[in-house]
Protein backbone atom coordinates (compact mmCIF):
# COMPACT_ATOMS: atom_id res chain seq x y z
CA UNK A 1 0.04 -0.03 0.15
CA UNK A 2 2.78 2.39 0.62
CA UNK A 3 4.19 1.84 -2.41
CA UNK A 4 1.83 1.31 -4.85
CA UNK A 5 2.24 1.18 -8.54
CA UNK A 6 -0.25 3.59 -10.50
CA UNK A 7 -0.84 3.29 -13.79
CA UNK A 8 0.12 5.91 -16.58
CA UNK A 9 -3.35 7.33 -18.19
CA UNK A 10 -2.83 6.08 -21.34
CA UNK A 11 -0.66 2.95 -20.70
CA UNK A 12 -2.16 -0.20 -21.49
CA UNK A 13 -3.96 -2.22 -18.79
CA UNK A 14 -3.82 -6.34 -18.98
CA UNK A 15 -6.67 -6.11 -15.92
CA UNK A 16 -9.19 -4.15 -18.32
CA UNK A 17 -11.34 -6.03 -20.74
CA UNK A 18 -10.42 -3.51 -23.46
CA UNK A 19 -6.79 -3.39 -22.48
CA UNK A 20 -6.83 0.20 -21.80
CA UNK A 21 -6.22 2.10 -18.66
CA UNK A 22 -8.57 5.33 -18.99
CA UNK A 23 -11.93 4.08 -19.23
CA UNK A 24 -14.82 6.05 -20.68
CA UNK A 25 -17.40 6.98 -17.84
CA UNK A 26 -20.39 4.57 -17.53
CA UNK A 27 -23.41 5.45 -19.62
CA UNK A 28 -25.88 7.58 -18.17
CA UNK A 29 -23.68 8.96 -15.27
CA UNK A 30 -23.42 12.60 -14.64
CA UNK A 31 -20.48 14.20 -12.84
CA UNK A 32 -21.44 15.56 -9.53
CA UNK A 33 -22.85 18.95 -9.33
CA UNK A 34 -23.92 19.05 -13.14
CA UNK A 35 -27.09 19.02 -13.69
CA UNK A 36 -27.86 18.41 -17.53
CA UNK A 37 -28.98 21.80 -19.28
CA UNK A 38 -32.46 21.33 -20.68
CA UNK A 39 -32.50 24.10 -23.17
CA UNK A 40 -31.65 23.83 -26.75
CA UNK A 41 -29.12 26.47 -28.17
CA UNK A 42 -32.02 27.87 -30.37
CA UNK A 43 -34.07 31.02 -30.43
CA UNK A 44 -37.37 29.00 -29.42
CA UNK A 45 -34.90 27.64 -26.63
CA UNK A 46 -33.76 30.96 -25.46
CA UNK A 47 -37.38 32.11 -25.30
CA UNK A 48 -38.20 29.51 -23.21
CA UNK A 49 -35.31 29.77 -21.01
CA UNK A 50 -36.43 33.54 -20.49
CA UNK A 51 -39.52 32.68 -19.12
CA UNK A 52 -39.13 29.49 -17.09
CA UNK A 53 -35.12 30.29 -15.48
CA UNK A 54 -35.31 32.20 -12.22
CA UNK A 55 -32.28 33.46 -10.21
CA UNK A 56 -32.19 31.57 -7.04
CA UNK A 57 -29.35 33.64 -5.95
CA UNK A 58 -29.89 36.53 -3.53
CA UNK A 59 -29.12 40.30 -5.61
CA UNK A 60 -26.42 41.34 -2.51
CA UNK A 61 -23.08 43.00 -2.78
CA UNK A 62 -21.37 39.70 -2.70
CA UNK A 63 -22.91 38.12 -5.55
CA UNK A 64 -22.51 41.27 -7.59
CA UNK A 65 -19.23 41.33 -6.67
CA UNK A 66 -18.30 37.87 -8.19
CA UNK A 67 -20.59 38.42 -10.80
CA UNK A 68 -18.20 41.84 -11.87
CA UNK A 69 -15.14 39.30 -10.98
CA UNK A 70 -16.63 36.49 -13.63
CA UNK A 71 -17.51 39.26 -15.95
CA UNK A 72 -14.31 40.63 -15.94
CA UNK A 73 -12.42 37.37 -16.60
CA UNK A 74 -14.93 36.05 -19.03
CA UNK A 75 -17.02 38.64 -20.80
CA UNK A 76 -15.18 41.96 -20.72
CA UNK A 77 -12.44 41.19 -23.40
CA UNK A 78 -15.55 41.14 -26.30
CA UNK A 79 -18.27 43.07 -24.57
CA UNK A 80 -15.99 45.75 -22.73
CA UNK A 81 -16.13 47.37 -19.28
CA UNK A 82 -19.57 48.97 -19.64
CA UNK A 83 -21.13 46.07 -21.78
CA UNK A 84 -21.19 48.23 -25.01
CA UNK A 85 -19.64 45.70 -27.14
CA UNK A 86 -16.25 47.81 -27.31
CA UNK A 87 -13.99 45.03 -25.65
CA UNK A 88 -10.47 44.62 -26.67
CA UNK A 89 -11.13 41.71 -28.87
CA UNK A 90 -13.02 43.60 -31.00
CA UNK A 91 -11.45 47.12 -31.16
CA UNK A 92 -8.19 45.52 -31.75
CA UNK A 93 -9.57 43.83 -34.85
CA UNK A 94 -8.74 40.16 -33.67
CA UNK A 95 -12.35 39.67 -33.76
CA UNK A 96 -14.32 41.31 -36.49
CA UNK A 97 -18.13 40.73 -35.82
CA UNK A 98 -19.28 43.09 -32.99
CA UNK A 99 -20.21 41.70 -30.16
CA UNK A 100 -23.74 42.53 -28.37
CA UNK A 101 -24.23 45.92 -26.76
CA UNK A 102 -25.61 44.62 -23.47
CA UNK A 103 -27.26 48.03 -23.12
CA UNK A 104 -29.20 47.81 -26.32
CA UNK A 105 -33.01 48.05 -25.85
CA UNK A 106 -33.28 44.24 -26.69
CA UNK A 107 -31.17 43.21 -23.96
CA UNK A 108 -32.52 45.76 -21.54
CA UNK A 109 -36.15 43.77 -21.99
CA UNK A 110 -34.10 40.56 -21.65
CA UNK A 111 -35.29 38.29 -18.65
CA UNK A 112 -32.33 37.17 -16.45
CA UNK A 113 -33.15 33.46 -17.63
CA UNK A 114 -32.35 34.86 -21.20
CA UNK A 115 -29.08 36.15 -19.74
CA UNK A 116 -27.90 32.93 -18.32
CA UNK A 117 -29.30 30.85 -21.29
CA UNK A 118 -26.55 32.63 -23.83
CA UNK A 119 -23.99 32.53 -21.35
CA UNK A 120 -24.52 28.93 -20.96
CA UNK A 121 -25.27 27.58 -24.34
CA UNK A 122 -24.02 30.95 -26.87
CA UNK A 123 -25.51 32.77 -29.13
CA UNK A 124 -24.72 33.86 -32.85
CA UNK A 125 -21.28 34.09 -33.00
CA UNK A 126 -20.62 33.80 -29.24
CA UNK A 127 -19.52 30.49 -28.21
CA UNK A 128 -21.04 28.31 -25.18
CA UNK A 129 -19.44 29.17 -21.50
CA UNK A 130 -21.29 26.85 -19.70
CA UNK A 131 -18.41 24.05 -19.90
CA UNK A 132 -16.16 26.82 -18.01
CA UNK A 133 -18.14 28.68 -15.86
CA UNK A 134 -19.97 26.77 -12.91
CA UNK A 135 -24.01 27.57 -12.71
CA UNK A 136 -23.77 29.61 -9.79
CA UNK A 137 -20.86 32.00 -11.52
CA UNK A 138 -23.28 32.23 -14.35
CA UNK A 139 -25.94 33.66 -12.48
CA UNK A 140 -23.77 36.04 -10.61
CA UNK A 141 -22.59 37.16 -14.31
CA UNK A 142 -26.26 37.53 -15.04
CA UNK A 143 -27.36 39.32 -11.82
CA UNK A 144 -24.51 41.50 -12.54
CA UNK A 145 -25.33 42.33 -15.81
CA UNK A 146 -28.99 42.99 -15.03
CA UNK A 147 -28.67 44.75 -11.68
CA UNK A 148 -25.34 46.52 -11.69
CA UNK A 149 -24.17 46.92 -15.22
CA UNK A 150 -27.12 47.77 -17.38
CA UNK A 151 -28.52 50.27 -14.53
CA UNK A 152 -25.46 52.09 -13.99
CA UNK A 153 -24.48 52.90 -17.67
CA UNK A 154 -27.78 53.42 -19.27
């Protein structure tokens, strides 16, 4: 036990039926804390998410601060500090398609569930950030966008 020999990830393993050390997860299993997302990445899915999804997090200083921190890390490069779609990746010419203006009439009217949905599965040229950002942090970003960014930069 003190000096057990571990297998290397991609080394052969005679004890496994397929001879491989690294195995795929059992069909139908879900990693801990990861609930499958039930809304498709379609316009209909976006509208349905907007109607059905509600944020369970409290709108408080701690959650808004966390949302701002996550926005700065994951969103600001494209959407800009104020959310107008003037982030560095666009203004530098490295990304030629303008990101969404989070202060537009459309985004101001969008329910928080739509914001969460778009962060999760993406929209148009924006990629899905669900795999990179935990669900609570996606809600924190949505809270920050709806309750801080949009209210202070109109």
